[in-house]
N, C-alpha and C. Protein backbone atom coordinates (compact mmCIF):
# COMPACT_ATOMS: atom_id res chain seq x y z
N UNK A 1 137.74 52.93 218.75
CA UNK A 1 138.44 54.15 218.44
C UNK A 1 137.58 54.95 217.45
N UNK A 2 137.47 56.21 217.68
CA UNK A 2 136.63 57.07 216.88
C UNK A 2 137.37 57.60 215.66
N UNK A 3 136.63 57.78 214.57
CA UNK A 3 137.22 58.26 213.32
C UNK A 3 137.82 59.65 213.48
N UNK A 4 137.19 60.47 214.28
CA UNK A 4 137.68 61.85 214.47
C UNK A 4 139.05 61.88 215.14
N UNK A 5 139.37 60.87 215.91
CA UNK A 5 140.69 60.85 216.56
C UNK A 5 141.78 60.39 215.60
N UNK A 6 141.42 59.71 214.51
CA UNK A 6 142.40 59.23 213.54
C UNK A 6 142.70 60.24 212.44
N UNK A 7 141.74 61.11 212.13
CA UNK A 7 141.88 62.06 211.03
C UNK A 7 141.81 63.48 211.59
N UNK A 8 142.67 64.34 211.09
CA UNK A 8 142.65 65.72 211.57
C UNK A 8 141.35 66.40 211.14
N UNK A 9 141.01 67.46 211.81
CA UNK A 9 139.76 68.17 211.55
C UNK A 9 139.75 68.77 210.14
N UNK A 10 140.87 69.31 209.69
CA UNK A 10 140.92 69.91 208.35
C UNK A 10 140.77 68.84 207.27
N UNK A 11 141.38 67.67 207.49
CA UNK A 11 141.24 66.58 206.52
C UNK A 11 139.80 66.08 206.49
N UNK A 12 139.17 65.99 207.63
CA UNK A 12 137.78 65.54 207.70
C UNK A 12 136.85 66.51 206.99
N UNK A 13 137.09 67.81 207.15
CA UNK A 13 136.28 68.81 206.45
C UNK A 13 136.48 68.71 204.94
N UNK A 14 137.72 68.49 204.53
CA UNK A 14 138.03 68.41 203.10
C UNK A 14 137.37 67.18 202.48
N UNK A 15 137.41 66.04 203.18
CA UNK A 15 136.84 64.80 202.65
C UNK A 15 135.32 64.87 202.59
N UNK A 16 134.70 65.53 203.53
CA UNK A 16 133.24 65.58 203.56
C UNK A 16 132.66 66.75 202.77
N UNK A 17 133.50 67.56 202.16
CA UNK A 17 132.99 68.70 201.40
C UNK A 17 132.45 68.26 200.04
N UNK A 18 131.61 69.09 199.47
CA UNK A 18 131.04 68.81 198.16
C UNK A 18 132.12 68.80 197.09
N UNK A 19 133.09 69.68 197.20
CA UNK A 19 134.16 69.76 196.20
C UNK A 19 134.91 68.44 196.09
N UNK A 20 135.14 67.76 197.20
CA UNK A 20 135.86 66.49 197.17
C UNK A 20 135.10 65.46 196.34
N UNK A 21 133.80 65.34 196.58
CA UNK A 21 132.99 64.35 195.86
C UNK A 21 132.90 64.68 194.37
N UNK A 22 132.76 65.95 194.07
CA UNK A 22 132.64 66.36 192.67
C UNK A 22 133.96 66.11 191.94
N UNK A 23 135.08 66.49 192.54
CA UNK A 23 136.37 66.26 191.91
C UNK A 23 136.65 64.76 191.74
N UNK A 24 136.31 63.98 192.75
CA UNK A 24 136.47 62.52 192.66
C UNK A 24 135.64 61.96 191.51
N UNK A 25 134.41 62.42 191.38
CA UNK A 25 133.54 61.95 190.31
C UNK A 25 134.12 62.30 188.95
N UNK A 26 134.62 63.51 188.79
CA UNK A 26 135.18 63.93 187.50
C UNK A 26 136.46 63.16 187.18
N UNK A 27 137.29 62.93 188.16
CA UNK A 27 138.54 62.19 187.94
C UNK A 27 138.25 60.74 187.57
N UNK A 28 137.33 60.10 188.29
CA UNK A 28 136.96 58.71 187.97
C UNK A 28 136.37 58.64 186.57
N UNK A 29 135.56 59.63 186.21
CA UNK A 29 134.97 59.65 184.88
C UNK A 29 136.03 59.74 183.79
N UNK A 30 137.00 60.62 183.97
CA UNK A 30 138.06 60.77 182.96
C UNK A 30 139.00 59.57 182.91
N UNK A 31 139.31 59.00 184.06
CA UNK A 31 140.17 57.81 184.09
C UNK A 31 139.45 56.62 183.45
N UNK A 32 138.17 56.46 183.77
CA UNK A 32 137.40 55.38 183.17
C UNK A 32 137.30 55.51 181.66
N UNK A 33 137.06 56.73 181.19
CA UNK A 33 137.01 56.99 179.75
C UNK A 33 138.34 56.62 179.09
N UNK A 34 139.44 57.05 179.68
CA UNK A 34 140.76 56.80 179.10
C UNK A 34 141.12 55.32 179.08
N UNK A 35 140.90 54.64 180.19
CA UNK A 35 141.26 53.22 180.27
C UNK A 35 140.40 52.40 179.31
N UNK A 36 139.12 52.73 179.19
CA UNK A 36 138.26 52.00 178.27
C UNK A 36 138.71 52.21 176.82
N UNK A 37 139.02 53.43 176.46
CA UNK A 37 139.47 53.72 175.10
C UNK A 37 140.77 52.98 174.78
N UNK A 38 141.75 53.11 175.66
CA UNK A 38 143.07 52.52 175.42
C UNK A 38 142.99 50.99 175.40
N UNK A 39 142.31 50.42 176.38
CA UNK A 39 142.27 48.95 176.46
C UNK A 39 141.47 48.35 175.30
N UNK A 40 140.44 49.02 174.85
CA UNK A 40 139.68 48.50 173.71
C UNK A 40 140.53 48.54 172.45
N UNK A 41 141.22 49.63 172.24
CA UNK A 41 142.06 49.75 171.03
C UNK A 41 143.20 48.73 171.05
N UNK A 42 143.79 48.48 172.22
CA UNK A 42 144.85 47.47 172.32
C UNK A 42 144.26 46.08 172.12
N UNK A 43 143.12 45.82 172.74
CA UNK A 43 142.50 44.50 172.63
C UNK A 43 142.10 44.14 171.22
N UNK A 44 141.66 45.12 170.45
CA UNK A 44 141.24 44.84 169.08
C UNK A 44 142.40 44.54 168.14
N UNK A 45 143.63 44.75 168.59
CA UNK A 45 144.78 44.41 167.75
C UNK A 45 145.10 42.91 167.80
N UNK A 46 144.55 42.18 168.78
CA UNK A 46 144.78 40.75 168.89
C UNK A 46 143.88 39.99 167.91
N UNK A 47 144.41 38.91 167.33
CA UNK A 47 143.56 38.11 166.44
C UNK A 47 142.47 37.41 167.27
N UNK A 48 141.33 37.22 166.67
CA UNK A 48 140.18 36.54 167.29
C UNK A 48 139.58 37.31 168.47
N UNK A 49 139.90 38.59 168.60
CA UNK A 49 139.25 39.44 169.60
C UNK A 49 138.42 40.45 168.83
N UNK A 50 137.15 40.57 169.21
CA UNK A 50 136.28 41.48 168.50
C UNK A 50 135.35 42.18 169.48
N UNK A 51 134.80 43.28 169.04
CA UNK A 51 133.87 44.08 169.84
C UNK A 51 132.48 43.48 169.73
N UNK A 52 131.78 43.34 170.85
CA UNK A 52 130.44 42.75 170.85
C UNK A 52 129.33 43.81 170.83
N UNK A 53 129.64 45.03 171.21
CA UNK A 53 128.65 46.10 171.25
C UNK A 53 128.41 46.62 169.83
N UNK A 54 127.18 46.45 169.34
CA UNK A 54 126.87 46.82 167.95
C UNK A 54 127.01 48.32 167.71
N UNK A 55 126.63 49.13 168.67
CA UNK A 55 126.76 50.58 168.51
C UNK A 55 128.24 50.98 168.41
N UNK A 56 129.07 50.36 169.24
CA UNK A 56 130.50 50.64 169.19
C UNK A 56 131.11 50.17 167.88
N UNK A 57 130.65 49.05 167.37
CA UNK A 57 131.16 48.54 166.08
C UNK A 57 130.86 49.55 164.98
N UNK A 58 129.62 50.07 164.95
CA UNK A 58 129.27 51.05 163.92
C UNK A 58 130.11 52.31 164.05
N UNK A 59 130.33 52.75 165.28
CA UNK A 59 131.14 53.96 165.49
C UNK A 59 132.60 53.71 165.14
N UNK A 60 133.11 52.53 165.48
CA UNK A 60 134.49 52.20 165.13
C UNK A 60 134.67 52.14 163.61
N UNK A 61 133.73 51.52 162.92
CA UNK A 61 133.82 51.42 161.46
C UNK A 61 133.74 52.79 160.79
N UNK A 62 132.99 53.70 161.38
CA UNK A 62 132.88 55.05 160.83
C UNK A 62 134.02 55.95 161.29
N UNK A 63 134.82 55.47 162.25
CA UNK A 63 135.92 56.27 162.78
C UNK A 63 135.48 57.34 163.76
N UNK A 64 134.30 57.17 164.36
CA UNK A 64 133.75 58.19 165.25
C UNK A 64 133.68 57.78 166.71
N UNK A 65 134.17 56.60 167.05
CA UNK A 65 133.98 56.12 168.41
C UNK A 65 134.67 57.01 169.44
N UNK A 66 135.89 57.44 169.17
CA UNK A 66 136.62 58.31 170.10
C UNK A 66 135.86 59.61 170.31
N UNK A 67 135.35 60.20 169.24
CA UNK A 67 134.66 61.48 169.34
C UNK A 67 133.36 61.37 170.13
N UNK A 68 132.59 60.34 169.83
CA UNK A 68 131.31 60.15 170.52
C UNK A 68 131.54 59.82 171.99
N UNK A 69 132.51 58.98 172.27
CA UNK A 69 132.82 58.63 173.65
C UNK A 69 133.32 59.85 174.42
N UNK A 70 134.16 60.65 173.77
CA UNK A 70 134.66 61.88 174.40
C UNK A 70 133.52 62.85 174.68
N UNK A 71 132.62 63.03 173.72
CA UNK A 71 131.49 63.93 173.93
C UNK A 71 130.57 63.42 175.04
N UNK A 72 130.40 62.12 175.12
CA UNK A 72 129.59 61.54 176.19
C UNK A 72 130.20 61.84 177.55
N UNK A 73 131.51 61.66 177.67
CA UNK A 73 132.20 61.97 178.93
C UNK A 73 132.13 63.47 179.23
N UNK A 74 132.35 64.29 178.21
CA UNK A 74 132.33 65.74 178.40
C UNK A 74 130.96 66.23 178.84
N UNK A 75 129.90 65.77 178.17
CA UNK A 75 128.56 66.21 178.54
C UNK A 75 128.13 65.67 179.89
N UNK A 76 128.58 64.50 180.25
CA UNK A 76 128.29 63.96 181.57
C UNK A 76 128.87 64.87 182.65
N UNK A 77 130.10 65.31 182.44
CA UNK A 77 130.74 66.20 183.41
C UNK A 77 130.12 67.59 183.37
N UNK A 78 129.90 68.14 182.18
CA UNK A 78 129.37 69.50 182.07
C UNK A 78 127.96 69.63 182.63
N UNK A 79 127.10 68.68 182.32
CA UNK A 79 125.72 68.76 182.82
C UNK A 79 125.68 68.65 184.33
N UNK A 80 126.43 67.72 184.88
CA UNK A 80 126.44 67.60 186.35
C UNK A 80 127.07 68.84 186.98
N UNK A 81 128.10 69.40 186.36
CA UNK A 81 128.72 70.61 186.90
C UNK A 81 127.74 71.79 186.88
N UNK A 82 127.00 71.93 185.79
CA UNK A 82 126.01 73.02 185.72
C UNK A 82 124.92 72.86 186.78
N UNK A 83 124.44 71.64 186.96
CA UNK A 83 123.40 71.42 187.97
C UNK A 83 123.94 71.71 189.37
N UNK A 84 125.15 71.25 189.65
CA UNK A 84 125.72 71.45 190.98
C UNK A 84 126.01 72.92 191.25
N UNK A 85 126.53 73.65 190.25
CA UNK A 85 126.92 75.03 190.50
C UNK A 85 125.76 76.02 190.39
N UNK A 86 124.75 75.72 189.57
CA UNK A 86 123.66 76.68 189.36
C UNK A 86 122.58 76.61 190.43
N UNK A 87 122.22 75.40 190.82
CA UNK A 87 121.12 75.26 191.76
C UNK A 87 121.64 74.93 193.15
N UNK A 88 121.05 75.57 194.13
CA UNK A 88 121.52 75.41 195.50
C UNK A 88 120.63 74.52 196.34
N UNK A 89 120.31 73.32 195.85
CA UNK A 89 119.50 72.43 196.68
C UNK A 89 120.39 71.68 197.66
N UNK A 90 119.76 71.13 198.67
CA UNK A 90 120.49 70.60 199.82
C UNK A 90 121.39 69.41 199.49
N UNK A 91 120.96 68.51 198.68
CA UNK A 91 121.69 67.27 198.42
C UNK A 91 122.36 67.28 197.05
N UNK A 92 123.10 68.33 196.76
CA UNK A 92 123.76 68.46 195.46
C UNK A 92 124.82 67.40 195.23
N UNK A 93 125.39 66.86 196.28
CA UNK A 93 126.45 65.87 196.09
C UNK A 93 125.94 64.59 195.43
N UNK A 94 124.64 64.36 195.48
CA UNK A 94 124.09 63.18 194.81
C UNK A 94 124.12 63.33 193.30
N UNK A 95 124.16 64.57 192.81
CA UNK A 95 124.29 64.80 191.37
C UNK A 95 125.66 64.31 190.89
N UNK A 96 126.66 64.34 191.77
CA UNK A 96 127.99 63.84 191.43
C UNK A 96 127.99 62.33 191.20
N UNK A 97 126.93 61.65 191.62
CA UNK A 97 126.84 60.21 191.35
C UNK A 97 126.70 59.92 189.87
N UNK A 98 126.16 60.86 189.10
CA UNK A 98 126.00 60.66 187.66
C UNK A 98 127.34 60.47 186.96
N UNK A 99 128.30 61.42 187.06
CA UNK A 99 129.59 61.17 186.43
C UNK A 99 130.39 60.08 187.13
N UNK A 100 130.19 59.91 188.43
CA UNK A 100 130.90 58.86 189.16
C UNK A 100 130.46 57.47 188.67
N UNK A 101 129.17 57.29 188.47
CA UNK A 101 128.65 56.01 187.96
C UNK A 101 129.13 55.77 186.53
N UNK A 102 129.06 56.81 185.70
CA UNK A 102 129.55 56.70 184.33
C UNK A 102 131.02 56.29 184.32
N UNK A 103 131.82 56.97 185.11
CA UNK A 103 133.25 56.67 185.16
C UNK A 103 133.54 55.29 185.72
N UNK A 104 132.79 54.90 186.74
CA UNK A 104 133.01 53.58 187.33
C UNK A 104 132.67 52.47 186.35
N UNK A 105 131.60 52.64 185.58
CA UNK A 105 131.24 51.63 184.59
C UNK A 105 132.27 51.57 183.45
N UNK A 106 132.75 52.73 183.02
CA UNK A 106 133.79 52.75 181.98
C UNK A 106 135.09 52.15 182.52
N UNK A 107 135.39 52.44 183.78
CA UNK A 107 136.59 51.88 184.41
C UNK A 107 136.47 50.37 184.52
N UNK A 108 135.31 49.88 184.91
CA UNK A 108 135.08 48.43 184.99
C UNK A 108 135.24 47.79 183.61
N UNK A 109 134.68 48.41 182.60
CA UNK A 109 134.81 47.90 181.24
C UNK A 109 136.28 47.85 180.81
N UNK A 110 137.00 48.91 181.10
CA UNK A 110 138.42 48.95 180.76
C UNK A 110 139.23 47.89 181.49
N UNK A 111 138.91 47.68 182.77
CA UNK A 111 139.62 46.66 183.53
C UNK A 111 139.30 45.25 183.02
N UNK A 112 138.05 45.03 182.61
CA UNK A 112 137.71 43.74 182.01
C UNK A 112 138.45 43.55 180.69
N UNK A 113 138.59 44.62 179.92
CA UNK A 113 139.38 44.55 178.69
C UNK A 113 140.84 44.21 178.99
N UNK A 114 141.38 44.87 180.01
CA UNK A 114 142.77 44.58 180.39
C UNK A 114 142.93 43.14 180.86
N UNK A 115 141.94 42.62 181.57
CA UNK A 115 141.96 41.22 182.00
C UNK A 115 142.00 40.29 180.80
N UNK A 116 141.22 40.61 179.77
CA UNK A 116 141.22 39.81 178.55
C UNK A 116 142.59 39.89 177.87
N UNK A 117 143.15 41.08 177.80
CA UNK A 117 144.46 41.27 177.15
C UNK A 117 145.52 40.46 177.88
N UNK A 118 145.54 40.52 179.20
CA UNK A 118 146.54 39.78 179.98
C UNK A 118 146.35 38.28 179.79
N UNK A 119 145.13 37.82 179.70
CA UNK A 119 144.91 36.37 179.52
C UNK A 119 145.35 35.90 178.14
N UNK A 120 145.42 36.80 177.17
CA UNK A 120 145.84 36.42 175.82
C UNK A 120 147.35 36.44 175.64
N UNK A 121 148.04 37.11 176.53
CA UNK A 121 149.49 37.23 176.40
C UNK A 121 150.18 35.97 176.87
């Protein structure tokens, strides 16, 4: 059975468009950022749970981790958006891999944090 017979033509155009990939990348980036922030803050409230990343420890101690993480997510999205919208090269959708990869890694980190939290409960 062919994929075109299962999905309508308008849905297929929407899924294969550049806008779909870019929006997906931005959403994954923001969800990954949020889940990592929330799960880390919840996890650190448990006794005998500590952060292993030295850069994050320094930022947490200075009270700047949220700001730096937010700016990292913001600049990841803004830079990729500027490249995608300003330059008209053929394979612009590959630029969306930058925020998508960032978001996926942050999402993975957050899910691992949640796994740790659930195992402690």
